Amino acid sequence: MVDAGLSEQLTELGWKVEFDGHHQFEEISAASDPPIGKLKNPRLVSKVTEAVARTVGGHAKKGQLPVTLGGDHSLVCFSTPSCHFFSR
């Protein structure tokens, strides 16, 4: 969506867009993350969701409207509450 011009289209609609890059979280490894019961890569998922919550929350704290694109559906569990928490 970014490569297709989402930022430019939002700007044309009057939004001030601050794109701070793609977050891939390569520094977080699942190499030694054995399952816990049915949970696969629980430590990796925890670290990524914490990083997303910090990033999204940081934007919300500045009064910005964070938009997350892509990723696993479980990321919304941390990005939405962090927006609420930091926007108070």
N, C-alpha and C. Protein backbone atom coordinates (compact mmCIF):
# COMPACT_ATOMS: atom_id res chain seq x y z
N MET A 1 0.82 -1.18 0.00
CA MET A 1 0.00 0.00 0.00
C MET A 1 0.87 1.25 0.00
N VAL A 2 1.95 1.19 0.74
CA VAL A 2 2.87 2.34 0.76
C VAL A 2 3.49 2.51 -0.62
N ASP A 3 3.94 1.41 -1.20
CA ASP A 3 4.54 1.47 -2.54
C ASP A 3 3.55 1.93 -3.60
N ALA A 4 2.27 1.73 -3.35
CA ALA A 4 1.24 2.15 -4.30
C ALA A 4 0.84 3.61 -4.12
N GLY A 5 1.47 4.31 -3.16
CA GLY A 5 1.24 5.74 -3.02
C GLY A 5 0.26 6.14 -1.93
N LEU A 6 0.07 5.31 -0.92
CA LEU A 6 -0.88 5.63 0.14
C LEU A 6 -0.56 6.97 0.81
N SER A 7 0.71 7.20 1.13
CA SER A 7 1.10 8.45 1.80
C SER A 7 0.72 9.67 0.96
N GLU A 8 1.01 9.60 -0.32
CA GLU A 8 0.71 10.72 -1.21
C GLU A 8 -0.81 10.94 -1.33
N GLN A 9 -1.55 9.85 -1.39
CA GLN A 9 -3.01 9.97 -1.50
C GLN A 9 -3.62 10.58 -0.24
N LEU A 10 -3.11 10.19 0.92
CA LEU A 10 -3.60 10.78 2.16
C LEU A 10 -3.24 12.25 2.25
N THR A 11 -2.05 12.60 1.78
CA THR A 11 -1.63 14.01 1.76
C THR A 11 -2.56 14.82 0.86
N GLU A 12 -2.91 14.26 -0.29
CA GLU A 12 -3.83 14.94 -1.21
C GLU A 12 -5.20 15.16 -0.58
N LEU A 13 -5.57 14.31 0.36
CA LEU A 13 -6.86 14.45 1.06
C LEU A 13 -6.78 15.43 2.23
N GLY A 14 -5.59 16.00 2.44
CA GLY A 14 -5.44 16.99 3.50
C GLY A 14 -4.82 16.49 4.79
N TRP A 15 -4.42 15.23 4.83
CA TRP A 15 -3.78 14.68 6.04
C TRP A 15 -2.30 15.00 6.04
N LYS A 16 -1.75 15.26 7.21
CA LYS A 16 -0.31 15.41 7.36
C LYS A 16 0.23 14.01 7.64
N VAL A 17 1.04 13.49 6.74
CA VAL A 17 1.52 12.12 6.85
C VAL A 17 2.98 12.11 7.30
N GLU A 18 3.25 11.31 8.33
CA GLU A 18 4.62 11.09 8.80
C GLU A 18 4.88 9.59 8.72
N PHE A 19 5.58 9.18 7.68
CA PHE A 19 5.88 7.76 7.49
C PHE A 19 7.27 7.51 8.05
N ASP A 20 7.36 6.70 9.07
CA ASP A 20 8.67 6.45 9.69
C ASP A 20 9.27 5.12 9.29
N GLY A 21 8.90 4.64 8.13
CA GLY A 21 9.54 3.46 7.57
C GLY A 21 8.83 2.17 7.88
N HIS A 22 9.29 1.14 7.22
CA HIS A 22 8.76 -0.20 7.42
C HIS A 22 9.46 -0.81 8.64
N HIS A 23 8.70 -1.41 9.50
CA HIS A 23 9.26 -2.07 10.68
C HIS A 23 9.22 -3.57 10.45
N GLN A 24 10.37 -4.18 10.31
CA GLN A 24 10.44 -5.61 10.04
C GLN A 24 10.82 -6.43 11.27
N PHE A 25 11.41 -5.79 12.26
CA PHE A 25 11.79 -6.46 13.50
C PHE A 25 12.77 -7.61 13.28
N GLU A 26 13.73 -7.39 12.37
CA GLU A 26 14.73 -8.42 12.10
C GLU A 26 15.59 -8.74 13.32
N GLU A 27 15.73 -7.77 14.21
CA GLU A 27 16.59 -7.99 15.38
C GLU A 27 15.97 -8.95 16.39
N ILE A 28 14.71 -9.28 16.20
CA ILE A 28 14.03 -10.21 17.09
C ILE A 28 14.00 -11.57 16.41
N SER A 29 14.62 -12.56 17.05
CA SER A 29 14.77 -13.88 16.43
C SER A 29 13.88 -14.93 17.06
N ALA A 30 13.39 -15.83 16.23
CA ALA A 30 12.60 -16.96 16.71
C ALA A 30 13.41 -18.25 16.72
N ALA A 31 14.72 -18.12 16.50
CA ALA A 31 15.57 -19.30 16.37
C ALA A 31 15.48 -20.23 17.57
N SER A 32 15.49 -19.67 18.77
CA SER A 32 15.45 -20.51 19.96
C SER A 32 14.21 -20.17 20.78
N ASP A 33 13.05 -20.35 20.18
CA ASP A 33 11.79 -20.03 20.84
C ASP A 33 10.86 -21.23 20.76
N PRO A 34 11.08 -22.21 21.63
CA PRO A 34 10.25 -23.41 21.58
C PRO A 34 8.80 -23.10 21.96
N PRO A 35 7.88 -23.88 21.43
CA PRO A 35 6.46 -23.68 21.74
C PRO A 35 6.18 -23.87 23.23
N ILE A 36 5.14 -23.21 23.68
CA ILE A 36 4.60 -23.42 25.03
C ILE A 36 3.18 -23.93 24.82
N GLY A 37 2.99 -25.21 25.01
CA GLY A 37 1.69 -25.80 24.72
C GLY A 37 1.38 -25.63 23.23
N LYS A 38 0.25 -25.01 22.92
CA LYS A 38 -0.15 -24.78 21.53
C LYS A 38 0.43 -23.49 20.97
N LEU A 39 1.05 -22.68 21.81
CA LEU A 39 1.59 -21.39 21.38
C LEU A 39 2.90 -21.57 20.63
N LYS A 40 2.95 -21.08 19.40
CA LYS A 40 4.18 -21.14 18.61
C LYS A 40 4.89 -19.80 18.67
N ASN A 41 6.19 -19.82 18.88
CA ASN A 41 7.02 -18.61 18.96
C ASN A 41 6.47 -17.59 19.96
N PRO A 42 6.14 -18.01 21.18
CA PRO A 42 5.51 -17.08 22.12
C PRO A 42 6.40 -15.91 22.52
N ARG A 43 7.70 -16.13 22.64
CA ARG A 43 8.61 -15.05 23.02
C ARG A 43 8.78 -14.04 21.89
N LEU A 44 8.87 -14.55 20.67
CA LEU A 44 8.96 -13.69 19.50
C LEU A 44 7.71 -12.81 19.39
N VAL A 45 6.55 -13.44 19.51
CA VAL A 45 5.29 -12.70 19.41
C VAL A 45 5.23 -11.63 20.50
N SER A 46 5.64 -11.99 21.69
CA SER A 46 5.64 -11.04 22.80
C SER A 46 6.54 -9.84 22.52
N LYS A 47 7.75 -10.10 22.04
CA LYS A 47 8.69 -9.01 21.77
C LYS A 47 8.20 -8.11 20.65
N VAL A 48 7.64 -8.69 19.60
CA VAL A 48 7.15 -7.89 18.47
C VAL A 48 5.96 -7.06 18.90
N THR A 49 5.02 -7.65 19.65
CA THR A 49 3.85 -6.88 20.07
C THR A 49 4.24 -5.75 21.03
N GLU A 50 5.23 -5.98 21.88
CA GLU A 50 5.71 -4.91 22.75
C GLU A 50 6.32 -3.78 21.92
N ALA A 51 7.10 -4.13 20.91
CA ALA A 51 7.72 -3.12 20.04
C ALA A 51 6.66 -2.33 19.27
N VAL A 52 5.65 -3.02 18.78
CA VAL A 52 4.56 -2.33 18.07
C VAL A 52 3.81 -1.41 19.02
N ALA A 53 3.51 -1.88 20.22
CA ALA A 53 2.80 -1.05 21.21
C ALA A 53 3.60 0.20 21.54
N ARG A 54 4.92 0.08 21.69
CA ARG A 54 5.75 1.25 21.98
C ARG A 54 5.73 2.24 20.82
N THR A 55 5.85 1.73 19.60
CA THR A 55 5.88 2.59 18.42
C THR A 55 4.54 3.29 18.22
N VAL A 56 3.46 2.52 18.26
CA VAL A 56 2.12 3.08 18.07
C VAL A 56 1.80 4.04 19.22
N GLY A 57 2.12 3.63 20.42
CA GLY A 57 1.86 4.48 21.59
C GLY A 57 2.62 5.79 21.53
N GLY A 58 3.84 5.74 21.03
CA GLY A 58 4.64 6.96 20.89
C GLY A 58 4.00 7.96 19.96
N HIS A 59 3.44 7.47 18.86
CA HIS A 59 2.74 8.36 17.92
C HIS A 59 1.46 8.91 18.56
N ALA A 60 0.71 8.05 19.24
CA ALA A 60 -0.53 8.48 19.88
C ALA A 60 -0.25 9.53 20.96
N LYS A 61 0.85 9.35 21.68
CA LYS A 61 1.21 10.29 22.75
C LYS A 61 1.49 11.67 22.18
N LYS A 62 1.97 11.74 20.94
CA LYS A 62 2.24 13.02 20.29
C LYS A 62 0.99 13.60 19.63
N GLY A 63 -0.15 12.93 19.81
CA GLY A 63 -1.40 13.40 19.24
C GLY A 63 -1.60 13.00 17.79
N GLN A 64 -0.79 12.10 17.31
CA GLN A 64 -0.90 11.64 15.93
C GLN A 64 -1.85 10.44 15.86
N LEU A 65 -2.38 10.19 14.67
CA LEU A 65 -3.24 9.03 14.44
C LEU A 65 -2.39 7.92 13.84
N PRO A 66 -2.01 6.92 14.64
CA PRO A 66 -1.18 5.84 14.12
C PRO A 66 -1.98 4.93 13.19
N VAL A 67 -1.35 4.52 12.11
CA VAL A 67 -1.94 3.57 11.18
C VAL A 67 -0.95 2.43 11.00
N THR A 68 -1.36 1.22 11.27
CA THR A 68 -0.50 0.06 11.07
C THR A 68 -1.02 -0.72 9.87
N LEU A 69 -0.11 -1.09 9.00
CA LEU A 69 -0.47 -1.85 7.80
C LEU A 69 0.26 -3.19 7.83
N GLY A 70 -0.46 -4.24 7.53
CA GLY A 70 0.16 -5.56 7.46
C GLY A 70 0.40 -6.16 8.83
N GLY A 71 1.09 -7.27 8.82
CA GLY A 71 1.39 -7.94 10.08
C GLY A 71 0.32 -8.94 10.45
N ASP A 72 0.56 -9.61 11.51
CA ASP A 72 -0.35 -10.63 12.02
C ASP A 72 -1.55 -9.97 12.69
N HIS A 73 -2.69 -10.62 12.62
CA HIS A 73 -3.91 -10.06 13.23
C HIS A 73 -3.77 -9.84 14.73
N SER A 74 -2.87 -10.56 15.38
CA SER A 74 -2.72 -10.41 16.83
C SER A 74 -2.08 -9.08 17.22
N LEU A 75 -1.49 -8.38 16.26
CA LEU A 75 -0.87 -7.10 16.58
C LEU A 75 -1.89 -6.06 17.04
N VAL A 76 -3.11 -6.18 16.58
CA VAL A 76 -4.14 -5.22 16.98
C VAL A 76 -4.40 -5.30 18.48
N CYS A 77 -4.10 -6.42 19.08
CA CYS A 77 -4.30 -6.57 20.53
C CYS A 77 -3.46 -5.58 21.32
N PHE A 78 -2.34 -5.15 20.76
CA PHE A 78 -1.46 -4.23 21.47
C PHE A 78 -1.45 -2.83 20.87
N SER A 79 -1.70 -2.70 19.57
CA SER A 79 -1.67 -1.37 18.98
C SER A 79 -2.90 -0.56 19.37
N THR A 80 -4.07 -1.17 19.42
CA THR A 80 -5.29 -0.44 19.78
C THR A 80 -5.27 0.00 21.24
N PRO A 81 -4.97 -0.89 22.20
CA PRO A 81 -4.92 -0.43 23.59
C PRO A 81 -3.85 0.63 23.83
N SER A 82 -2.72 0.55 23.13
CA SER A 82 -1.67 1.55 23.35
C SER A 82 -2.14 2.91 22.87
N CYS A 83 -2.93 2.95 21.79
CA CYS A 83 -3.50 4.23 21.33
C CYS A 83 -4.40 4.82 22.41
N HIS A 84 -5.24 3.99 22.97
CA HIS A 84 -6.15 4.46 24.03
C HIS A 84 -5.36 4.94 25.23
N PHE A 85 -4.39 4.18 25.66
CA PHE A 85 -3.62 4.52 26.86
C PHE A 85 -2.85 5.82 26.68
N PHE A 86 -2.15 5.98 25.57
CA PHE A 86 -1.31 7.14 25.36
C PHE A 86 -2.07 8.39 24.93
N SER A 87 -3.30 8.24 24.49
CA SER A 87 -4.03 9.41 24.01
C SER A 87 -4.83 10.10 25.11
N ARG A 88 -4.72 9.61 26.31
CA ARG A 88 -5.48 10.21 27.44
C ARG A 88 -4.91 11.56 27.81
